[in-house]
Every structure is written in C-alpha cells, then in structure tokens.
PDB file of all heavy atoms in Angstrom:
ATOM      1  N   TYR A   1     123.286 -42.897 -11.936  1.00  0.00           N
ATOM      2  CA  TYR A   1     122.090 -43.709 -11.683  1.00  0.00           C
ATOM      3  C   TYR A   1     121.097 -42.987 -10.758  1.00  0.00           C
ATOM      4  O   TYR A   1     120.141 -43.594 -10.294  1.00  0.00           O
ATOM      5  CB  TYR A   1     122.487 -45.056 -11.080  1.00  0.00           C
ATOM      6  CG  TYR A   1     122.821 -46.096 -12.124  1.00  0.00           C
ATOM      7  CD1 TYR A   1     124.048 -46.080 -12.777  1.00  0.00           C
ATOM      8  CD2 TYR A   1     121.919 -47.103 -12.463  1.00  0.00           C
ATOM      9  CE1 TYR A   1     124.369 -47.024 -13.735  1.00  0.00           C
ATOM     10  CE2 TYR A   1     122.222 -48.059 -13.411  1.00  0.00           C
ATOM     11  CZ  TYR A   1     123.452 -48.015 -14.045  1.00  0.00           C
ATOM     12  OH  TYR A   1     123.754 -48.961 -15.011  1.00  0.00           O
ATOM     13  N   GLU A   2     121.362 -41.711 -10.524  1.00  0.00           N
ATOM     14  CA  GLU A   2     120.481 -40.872  -9.716  1.00  0.00           C
ATOM     15  C   GLU A   2     120.234 -41.468  -8.330  1.00  0.00           C
ATOM     16  O   GLU A   2     119.144 -41.362  -7.759  1.00  0.00           O
ATOM     17  CB  GLU A   2     119.158 -40.644 -10.450  1.00  0.00           C
ATOM     18  CG  GLU A   2     119.339 -39.967 -11.796  1.00  0.00           C
ATOM     19  CD  GLU A   2     118.064 -39.912 -12.616  1.00  0.00           C
ATOM     20  OE1 GLU A   2     117.030 -40.454 -12.183  1.00  0.00           O
ATOM     21  OE2 GLU A   2     118.111 -39.318 -13.718  1.00  0.00           O
ATOM     22  N   ALA A   3     121.281 -42.090  -7.786  1.00  0.00           N
ATOM     23  CA  ALA A   3     121.190 -42.702  -6.460  1.00  0.00           C
ATOM     24  C   ALA A   3     121.921 -41.866  -5.406  1.00  0.00           C
ATOM     25  O   ALA A   3     122.083 -42.317  -4.270  1.00  0.00           O
ATOM     26  CB  ALA A   3     121.772 -44.118  -6.495  1.00  0.00           C
ATOM     27  N   TRP A   4     122.380 -40.681  -5.781  1.00  0.00           N
ATOM     28  CA  TRP A   4     123.048 -39.768  -4.843  1.00  0.00           C
ATOM     29  C   TRP A   4     122.030 -38.698  -4.477  1.00  0.00           C
ATOM     30  O   TRP A   4     121.693 -37.836  -5.285  1.00  0.00           O
ATOM     31  CB  TRP A   4     124.275 -39.158  -5.504  1.00  0.00           C
ATOM     32  CG  TRP A   4     125.156 -38.343  -4.587  1.00  0.00           C
ATOM     33  CD1 TRP A   4     125.367 -37.001  -4.640  1.00  0.00           C
ATOM     34  CD2 TRP A   4     125.967 -38.822  -3.506  1.00  0.00           C
ATOM     35  NE1 TRP A   4     126.247 -36.607  -3.663  1.00  0.00           N
ATOM     36  CE2 TRP A   4     126.636 -37.712  -2.941  1.00  0.00           C
ATOM     37  CE3 TRP A   4     126.186 -40.079  -2.953  1.00  0.00           C
ATOM     38  CZ2 TRP A   4     127.506 -37.824  -1.863  1.00  0.00           C
ATOM     39  CZ3 TRP A   4     127.061 -40.199  -1.875  1.00  0.00           C
ATOM     40  CH2 TRP A   4     127.701 -39.083  -1.345  1.00  0.00           C
ATOM     41  N   ILE A   5     121.493 -38.786  -3.274  1.00  0.00           N
ATOM     42  CA  ILE A   5     120.361 -37.940  -2.912  1.00  0.00           C
ATOM     43  C   ILE A   5     120.600 -37.206  -1.594  1.00  0.00           C
ATOM     44  O   ILE A   5     121.509 -37.546  -0.837  1.00  0.00           O
ATOM     45  CB  ILE A   5     119.073 -38.783  -2.782  1.00  0.00           C
ATOM     46  CG1 ILE A   5     119.212 -39.807  -1.650  1.00  0.00           C
ATOM     47  CG2 ILE A   5     118.740 -39.471  -4.106  1.00  0.00           C
ATOM     48  CD1 ILE A   5     117.931 -40.539  -1.312  1.00  0.00           C
ATOM     49  N   GLU A   6     119.750 -36.225  -1.340  1.00  0.00           N
ATOM     50  CA  GLU A   6     119.812 -35.507  -0.067  1.00  0.00           C
ATOM     51  C   GLU A   6     119.077 -36.315   1.001  1.00  0.00           C
ATOM     52  O   GLU A   6     117.955 -36.780   0.778  1.00  0.00           O
ATOM     53  CB  GLU A   6     119.169 -34.125  -0.202  1.00  0.00           C
ATOM     54  CG  GLU A   6     119.263 -33.295   1.075  1.00  0.00           C
ATOM     55  CD  GLU A   6     118.636 -31.926   0.933  1.00  0.00           C
ATOM     56  OE1 GLU A   6     117.400 -31.826   1.148  1.00  0.00           O
ATOM     57  OE2 GLU A   6     119.349 -30.973   0.579  1.00  0.00           O
ATOM     58  N   LYS A   7     119.724 -36.471   2.136  1.00  0.00           N
ATOM     59  CA  LYS A   7     119.127 -37.203   3.245  1.00  0.00           C
ATOM     60  C   LYS A   7     119.059 -36.292   4.470  1.00  0.00           C
ATOM     61  O   LYS A   7     119.640 -35.206   4.485  1.00  0.00           O
ATOM     62  CB  LYS A   7     119.955 -38.451   3.576  1.00  0.00           C
ATOM     63  CG  LYS A   7     120.005 -39.490   2.463  1.00  0.00           C
ATOM     64  CD  LYS A   7     120.762 -40.724   2.904  1.00  0.00           C
ATOM     65  CE  LYS A   7     120.701 -41.820   1.864  1.00  0.00           C
ATOM     66  NZ  LYS A   7     121.374 -43.064   2.346  1.00  0.00           N
ATOM     67  N   SER A   8     118.361 -36.756   5.481  1.00  0.00           N
ATOM     68  CA  SER A   8     118.227 -35.975   6.705  1.00  0.00           C
ATOM     69  C   SER A   8     118.283 -36.892   7.915  1.00  0.00           C
ATOM     70  O   SER A   8     117.646 -37.957   7.933  1.00  0.00           O
ATOM     71  CB  SER A   8     116.908 -35.206   6.695  1.00  0.00           C
ATOM     72  OG  SER A   8     116.748 -34.454   7.887  1.00  0.00           O
ATOM     73  N   MET A   9     119.059 -36.511   8.905  1.00  0.00           N
ATOM     74  CA  MET A   9     119.146 -37.275  10.148  1.00  0.00           C
ATOM     75  C   MET A   9     119.263 -36.308  11.319  1.00  0.00           C
ATOM     76  O   MET A   9     120.172 -35.476  11.349  1.00  0.00           O
ATOM     77  CB  MET A   9     120.341 -38.236  10.118  1.00  0.00           C
ATOM     78  CG  MET A   9     120.491 -39.079  11.390  1.00  0.00           C
ATOM     79  SD  MET A   9     121.889 -40.220  11.325  1.00  0.00           S
ATOM     80  CE  MET A   9     121.266 -41.423  10.143  1.00  0.00           C
ATOM     81  N   TYR A  10     118.342 -36.437  12.251  1.00  0.00           N
ATOM     82  CA  TYR A  10     118.321 -35.561  13.429  1.00  0.00           C
ATOM     83  C   TYR A  10     118.348 -34.091  13.028  1.00  0.00           C
ATOM     84  O   TYR A  10     119.010 -33.257  13.658  1.00  0.00           O
ATOM     85  CB  TYR A  10     119.492 -35.876  14.356  1.00  0.00           C
ATOM     86  CG  TYR A  10     119.555 -37.320  14.789  1.00  0.00           C
ATOM     87  CD1 TYR A  10     120.662 -38.113  14.465  1.00  0.00           C
ATOM     88  CD2 TYR A  10     118.514 -37.893  15.506  1.00  0.00           C
ATOM     89  CE1 TYR A  10     120.718 -39.447  14.847  1.00  0.00           C
ATOM     90  CE2 TYR A  10     118.568 -39.239  15.892  1.00  0.00           C
ATOM     91  CZ  TYR A  10     119.663 -40.004  15.563  1.00  0.00           C
ATOM     92  OH  TYR A  10     119.712 -41.319  15.934  1.00  0.00           O
ATOM     93  N   GLY A  11     117.641 -33.780  11.954  1.00  0.00           N
ATOM     94  CA  GLY A  11     117.552 -32.392  11.505  1.00  0.00           C
ATOM     95  C   GLY A  11     118.705 -31.934  10.648  1.00  0.00           C
ATOM     96  O   GLY A  11     118.680 -30.824  10.103  1.00  0.00           O
ATOM     97  N   ARG A  12     119.717 -32.774  10.501  1.00  0.00           N
ATOM     98  CA  ARG A  12     120.878 -32.391   9.687  1.00  0.00           C
ATOM     99  C   ARG A  12     120.748 -32.990   8.291  1.00  0.00           C
ATOM    100  O   ARG A  12     120.518 -34.188   8.144  1.00  0.00           O
ATOM    101  CB  ARG A  12     122.171 -32.902  10.329  1.00  0.00           C
ATOM    102  CG  ARG A  12     123.438 -32.512   9.568  1.00  0.00           C
ATOM    103  CD  ARG A  12     124.674 -33.023  10.277  1.00  0.00           C
ATOM    104  NE  ARG A  12     124.774 -34.465  10.245  1.00  0.00           N
ATOM    105  CZ  ARG A  12     125.347 -35.148   9.241  1.00  0.00           C
ATOM    106  NH1 ARG A  12     125.838 -34.513   8.200  1.00  0.00           N
ATOM    107  NH2 ARG A  12     125.419 -36.465   9.303  1.00  0.00           N
ATOM    108  N   LYS A  13     120.890 -32.164   7.275  1.00  0.00           N
ATOM    109  CA  LYS A  13     120.791 -32.634   5.905  1.00  0.00           C
ATOM    110  C   LYS A  13     122.178 -32.909   5.330  1.00  0.00           C
ATOM    111  O   LYS A  13     123.123 -32.179   5.607  1.00  0.00           O
ATOM    112  CB  LYS A  13     120.045 -31.620   5.050  1.00  0.00           C
ATOM    113  CG  LYS A  13     118.578 -31.472   5.431  1.00  0.00           C
ATOM    114  CD  LYS A  13     117.829 -30.564   4.481  1.00  0.00           C
ATOM    115  CE  LYS A  13     116.345 -30.500   4.851  1.00  0.00           C
ATOM    116  NZ  LYS A  13     115.574 -29.652   3.914  1.00  0.00           N
ATOM    117  N   TYR A  14     122.261 -33.955   4.547  1.00  0.00           N
ATOM    118  CA  TYR A  14     123.542 -34.319   3.943  1.00  0.00           C
ATOM    119  C   TYR A  14     123.273 -35.154   2.693  1.00  0.00           C
ATOM    120  O   TYR A  14     122.149 -35.623   2.475  1.00  0.00           O
ATOM    121  CB  TYR A  14     124.390 -35.133   4.934  1.00  0.00           C
ATOM    122  CG  TYR A  14     123.758 -36.457   5.330  1.00  0.00           C
ATOM    123  CD1 TYR A  14     124.139 -37.653   4.720  1.00  0.00           C
ATOM    124  CD2 TYR A  14     122.769 -36.521   6.310  1.00  0.00           C
ATOM    125  CE1 TYR A  14     123.564 -38.862   5.064  1.00  0.00           C
ATOM    126  CE2 TYR A  14     122.183 -37.726   6.667  1.00  0.00           C
ATOM    127  CZ  TYR A  14     122.585 -38.892   6.048  1.00  0.00           C
ATOM    128  OH  TYR A  14     121.982 -40.094   6.386  1.00  0.00           O
ATOM    129  N   MET A  15     124.281 -35.344   1.864  1.00  0.00           N
ATOM    130  CA  MET A  15     124.155 -36.148   0.658  1.00  0.00           C
ATOM    131  C   MET A  15     124.637 -37.573   0.919  1.00  0.00           C
ATOM    132  O   MET A  15     125.618 -37.783   1.641  1.00  0.00           O
ATOM    133  CB  MET A  15     124.962 -35.530  -0.483  1.00  0.00           C
ATOM    134  CG  MET A  15     124.519 -34.129  -0.875  1.00  0.00           C
ATOM    135  SD  MET A  15     122.791 -34.058  -1.409  1.00  0.00           S
ATOM    136  CE  MET A  15     122.893 -34.979  -2.964  1.00  0.00           C
ATOM    137  N   GLY A  16     123.931 -38.524   0.362  1.00  0.00           N
ATOM    138  CA  GLY A  16     124.319 -39.918   0.556  1.00  0.00           C
ATOM    139  C   GLY A  16     123.673 -40.806  -0.497  1.00  0.00           C
ATOM    140  O   GLY A  16     122.895 -40.342  -1.340  1.00  0.00           O
ATOM    141  N   ILE A  17     124.008 -42.079  -0.445  1.00  0.00           N
ATOM    142  CA  ILE A  17     123.490 -43.043  -1.429  1.00  0.00           C
ATOM    143  C   ILE A  17     122.091 -43.503  -1.046  1.00  0.00           C
ATOM    144  O   ILE A  17     121.834 -43.899   0.092  1.00  0.00           O
ATOM    145  CB  ILE A  17     124.430 -44.257  -1.548  1.00  0.00           C
ATOM    146  CG1 ILE A  17     125.764 -43.831  -2.172  1.00  0.00           C
ATOM    147  CG2 ILE A  17     123.796 -45.363  -2.392  1.00  0.00           C
ATOM    148  CD1 ILE A  17     126.766 -44.964  -2.313  1.00  0.00           C
ATOM    149  N   ASP A  18     121.201 -43.443  -2.023  1.00  0.00           N
ATOM    150  CA  ASP A  18     119.862 -43.991  -1.859  1.00  0.00           C
ATOM    151  C   ASP A  18     119.957 -45.507  -2.010  1.00  0.00           C
ATOM    152  O   ASP A  18     120.426 -46.000  -3.036  1.00  0.00           O
ATOM    153  CB  ASP A  18     118.943 -43.415  -2.939  1.00  0.00           C
ATOM    154  CG  ASP A  18     117.559 -44.052  -2.938  1.00  0.00           C
ATOM    155  OD1 ASP A  18     117.098 -44.475  -1.862  1.00  0.00           O
ATOM    156  OD2 ASP A  18     116.949 -44.103  -4.026  1.00  0.00           O
ATOM    157  N   ARG A  19     119.529 -46.231  -0.988  1.00  0.00           N
ATOM    158  CA  ARG A  19     119.541 -47.692  -1.105  1.00  0.00           C
ATOM    159  C   ARG A  19     118.547 -48.071  -2.207  1.00  0.00           C
ATOM    160  O   ARG A  19     117.330 -47.933  -2.046  1.00  0.00           O
ATOM    161  CB  ARG A  19     119.132 -48.332   0.227  1.00  0.00           C
ATOM    162  CG  ARG A  19     119.407 -49.842   0.270  1.00  0.00           C
ATOM    163  CD  ARG A  19     118.883 -50.476   1.551  1.00  0.00           C
ATOM    164  NE  ARG A  19     119.382 -49.819   2.743  1.00  0.00           N
ATOM    165  CZ  ARG A  19     120.593 -50.008   3.261  1.00  0.00           C
ATOM    166  NH1 ARG A  19     121.434 -50.828   2.652  1.00  0.00           N
ATOM    167  NH2 ARG A  19     120.963 -49.380   4.354  1.00  0.00           N
ATOM    168  N   SER A  20     119.077 -48.514  -3.316  1.00  0.00           N
ATOM    169  CA  SER A  20     118.223 -48.776  -4.473  1.00  0.00           C
ATOM    170  C   SER A  20     118.751 -49.971  -5.264  1.00  0.00           C
ATOM    171  O   SER A  20     119.942 -50.292  -5.217  1.00  0.00           O
ATOM    172  CB  SER A  20     118.157 -47.540  -5.382  1.00  0.00           C
ATOM    173  OG  SER A  20     119.459 -47.096  -5.724  1.00  0.00           O
ATOM    174  N   THR A  21     117.850 -50.616  -5.967  1.00  0.00           N
ATOM    175  CA  THR A  21     118.193 -51.812  -6.741  1.00  0.00           C
ATOM    176  C   THR A  21     117.697 -51.649  -8.169  1.00  0.00           C
ATOM    177  O   THR A  21     116.577 -51.186  -8.402  1.00  0.00           O
ATOM    178  CB  THR A  21     117.556 -53.067  -6.112  1.00  0.00           C
ATOM    179  OG1 THR A  21     118.022 -53.212  -4.766  1.00  0.00           O
ATOM    180  CG2 THR A  21     117.913 -54.312  -6.904  1.00  0.00           C
ATOM    181  N   TRP A  22     118.546 -52.047  -9.088  1.00  0.00           N
ATOM    182  CA  TRP A  22     118.255 -51.886 -10.515  1.00  0.00           C
ATOM    183  C   TRP A  22     118.364 -53.238 -11.210  1.00  0.00           C
ATOM    184  O   TRP A  22     119.409 -53.890 -11.161  1.00  0.00           O
ATOM    185  CB  TRP A  22     119.242 -50.905 -11.150  1.00  0.00           C
ATOM    186  CG  TRP A  22     119.264 -49.579 -10.446  1.00  0.00           C
ATOM    187  CD1 TRP A  22     119.722 -49.324  -9.185  1.00  0.00           C
ATOM    188  CD2 TRP A  22     118.755 -48.347 -10.947  1.00  0.00           C
ATOM    189  NE1 TRP A  22     119.543 -47.995  -8.874  1.00  0.00           N
ATOM    190  CE2 TRP A  22     118.948 -47.364  -9.934  1.00  0.00           C
ATOM    191  CE3 TRP A  22     118.166 -47.963 -12.161  1.00  0.00           C
ATOM    192  CZ2 TRP A  22     118.583 -46.048 -10.099  1.00  0.00           C
ATOM    193  CZ3 TRP A  22     117.804 -46.637 -12.323  1.00  0.00           C
ATOM    194  CH2 TRP A  22     118.009 -45.700 -11.306  1.00  0.00           C
ATOM    195  N   LEU A  23     117.285 -53.653 -11.847  1.00  0.00           N
ATOM    196  CA  LEU A  23     117.266 -54.916 -12.568  1.00  0.00           C
ATOM    197  C   LEU A  23     117.448 -54.597 -14.051  1.00  0.00           C
ATOM    198  O   LEU A  23     116.639 -53.889 -14.643  1.00  0.00           O
ATOM    199  CB  LEU A  23     115.947 -55.635 -12.318  1.00  0.00           C
ATOM    200  CG  LEU A  23     115.835 -57.085 -12.781  1.00  0.00           C
ATOM    201  CD1 LEU A  23     114.737 -57.785 -12.009  1.00  0.00           C
ATOM    202  CD2 LEU A  23     115.552 -57.172 -14.269  1.00  0.00           C
ATOM    203  N   ILE A  24     118.527 -55.109 -14.628  1.00  0.00           N
ATOM    204  CA  ILE A  24     118.897 -54.801 -16.010  1.00  0.00           C
ATOM    205  C   ILE A  24     118.875 -56.089 -16.827  1.00  0.00           C
ATOM    206  O   ILE A  24     119.467 -57.102 -16.425  1.00  0.00           O
ATOM    207  CB  ILE A  24     120.303 -54.173 -16.050  1.00  0.00           C
ATOM    208  CG1 ILE A  24     120.326 -52.910 -15.166  1.00  0.00           C
ATOM    209  CG2 ILE A  24     120.712 -53.847 -17.479  1.00  0.00           C
ATOM    210  CD1 ILE A  24     121.711 -52.406 -14.840  1.00  0.00           C
ATOM    211  N   ASP A  25     118.174 -56.072 -17.944  1.00  0.00           N
ATOM    212  CA  ASP A  25     118.057 -57.302 -18.731  1.00  0.00           C
ATOM    213  C   ASP A  25     119.288 -57.535 -19.602  1.00  0.00           C
ATOM    214  O   ASP A  25     120.237 -56.740 -19.591  1.00  0.00           O
ATOM    215  CB  ASP A  25     116.765 -57.305 -19.566  1.00  0.00           C
ATOM    216  CG  ASP A  25     116.781 -56.284 -20.711  1.00  0.00           C
ATOM    217  OD1 ASP A  25     117.859 -55.752 -21.038  1.00  0.00           O
ATOM    218  OD2 ASP A  25     115.704 -56.023 -21.279  1.00  0.00           O
ATOM    219  N   GLY A  26     119.265 -58.620 -20.363  1.00  0.00           N
ATOM    220  CA  GLY A  26     120.418 -59.004 -21.172  1.00  0.00           C
ATOM    221  C   GLY A  26     120.734 -58.041 -22.297  1.00  0.00           C
ATOM    222  O   GLY A  26     121.825 -58.102 -22.874  1.00  0.00           O
ATOM    223  N   GLU A  27     119.788 -57.156 -22.621  1.00  0.00           N
ATOM    224  CA  GLU A  27     120.019 -56.154 -23.662  1.00  0.00           C
ATOM    225  C   GLU A  27     120.502 -54.834 -23.081  1.00  0.00           C
ATOM    226  O   GLU A  27     120.670 -53.851 -23.807  1.00  0.00           O
ATOM    227  CB  GLU A  27     118.720 -55.928 -24.451  1.00  0.00           C
ATOM    228  CG  GLU A  27     118.191 -57.172 -25.154  1.00  0.00           C
ATOM    229  CD  GLU A  27     119.195 -57.747 -26.133  1.00  0.00           C
ATOM    230  OE1 GLU A  27     119.796 -56.943 -26.878  1.00  0.00           O
ATOM    231  OE2 GLU A  27     119.370 -58.973 -26.169  1.00  0.00           O
ATOM    232  N   GLY A  28     120.682 -54.805 -21.753  1.00  0.00           N
ATOM    233  CA  GLY A  28     121.159 -53.581 -21.125  1.00  0.00           C
ATOM    234  C   GLY A  28     120.063 -52.576 -20.812  1.00  0.00           C
ATOM    235  O   GLY A  28     120.341 -51.403 -20.557  1.00  0.00           O
ATOM    236  N   VAL A  29     118.812 -53.046 -20.812  1.00  0.00           N
ATOM    237  CA  VAL A  29     117.671 -52.166 -20.541  1.00  0.00           C
ATOM    238  C   VAL A  29     117.202 -52.347 -19.094  1.00  0.00           C
ATOM    239  O   VAL A  29     117.114 -53.468 -18.597  1.00  0.00           O
ATOM    240  CB  VAL A  29     116.501 -52.471 -21.505  1.00  0.00           C
ATOM    241  CG1 VAL A  29     115.274 -51.613 -21.160  1.00  0.00           C
ATOM    242  CG2 VAL A  29     116.924 -52.233 -22.946  1.00  0.00           C
ATOM    243  N   ILE A  30     116.911 -51.248 -18.429  1.00  0.00           N
ATOM    244  CA  ILE A  30     116.442 -51.294 -17.048  1.00  0.00           C
ATOM    245  C   ILE A  30     114.989 -51.760 -17.036  1.00  0.00           C
ATOM    246  O   ILE A  30     114.116 -51.130 -17.637  1.00  0.00           O
ATOM    247  CB  ILE A  30     116.542 -49.904 -16.380  1.00  0.00           C
ATOM    248  CG1 ILE A  30     117.994 -49.442 -16.351  1.00  0.00           C
ATOM    249  CG2 ILE A  30     115.960 -49.944 -14.969  1.00  0.00           C
ATOM    250  CD1 ILE A  30     118.163 -47.983 -15.964  1.00  0.00           C
ATOM    251  N   ARG A  31     114.738 -52.874 -16.363  1.00  0.00           N
ATOM    252  CA  ARG A  31     113.394 -53.430 -16.324  1.00  0.00           C
ATOM    253  C   ARG A  31     112.654 -53.113 -15.029  1.00  0.00           C
ATOM    254  O   ARG A  31     111.436 -52.958 -15.023  1.00  0.00           O
ATOM    255  CB  ARG A  31     113.454 -54.952 -16.529  1.00  0.00           C
ATOM    256  CG  ARG A  31     113.863 -55.358 -17.921  1.00  0.00           C
ATOM    257  CD  ARG A  31     112.974 -54.716 -18.960  1.00  0.00           C
ATOM    258  NE  ARG A  31     113.388 -55.002 -20.336  1.00  0.00           N
ATOM    259  CZ  ARG A  31     112.891 -54.375 -21.390  1.00  0.00           C
ATOM    260  NH1 ARG A  31     111.989 -53.421 -21.229  1.00  0.00           N
ATOM    261  NH2 ARG A  31     113.299 -54.677 -22.604  1.00  0.00           N
ATOM    262  N   ARG A  32     113.374 -53.046 -13.929  1.00  0.00           N
ATOM    263  CA  ARG A  32     112.737 -52.703 -12.659  1.00  0.00           C
ATOM    264  C   ARG A  32     113.675 -51.837 -11.830  1.00  0.00           C
ATOM    265  O   ARG A  32     114.899 -52.026 -11.864  1.00  0.00           O
ATOM    266  CB  ARG A  32     112.400 -53.973 -11.847  1.00  0.00           C
ATOM    267  CG  ARG A  32     111.270 -54.802 -12.409  1.00  0.00           C
ATOM    268  CD  ARG A  32     109.907 -54.170 -12.153  1.00  0.00           C
ATOM    269  NE  ARG A  32     109.624 -54.023 -10.752  1.00  0.00           N
ATOM    270  CZ  ARG A  32     109.090 -54.988  -9.989  1.00  0.00           C
ATOM    271  NH1 ARG A  32     108.838 -56.176 -10.503  1.00  0.00           N
ATOM    272  NH2 ARG A  32     108.835 -54.767  -8.712  1.00  0.00           N
TER     273      ARG A  32
END
C-alpha cells in the first residue's frame, strides 16, 4: 500500500509507517 516510507527524526533517517487512511468501496476500488 506504499505506506512504508523514509522518515526523519532529530536528523536520523529511518523507515516507518506513513500514517495514512484508505477508503475502499464495495467493489474493492480505492476511492480516497
């Protein structure tokens, strides 16, 4: 879902989950 991204904290870079929300309709299509 492309929610694993590079982040940065206090100059240190690391990989983590992007806080993200996916709205999927009854046909399985991503709407928002």
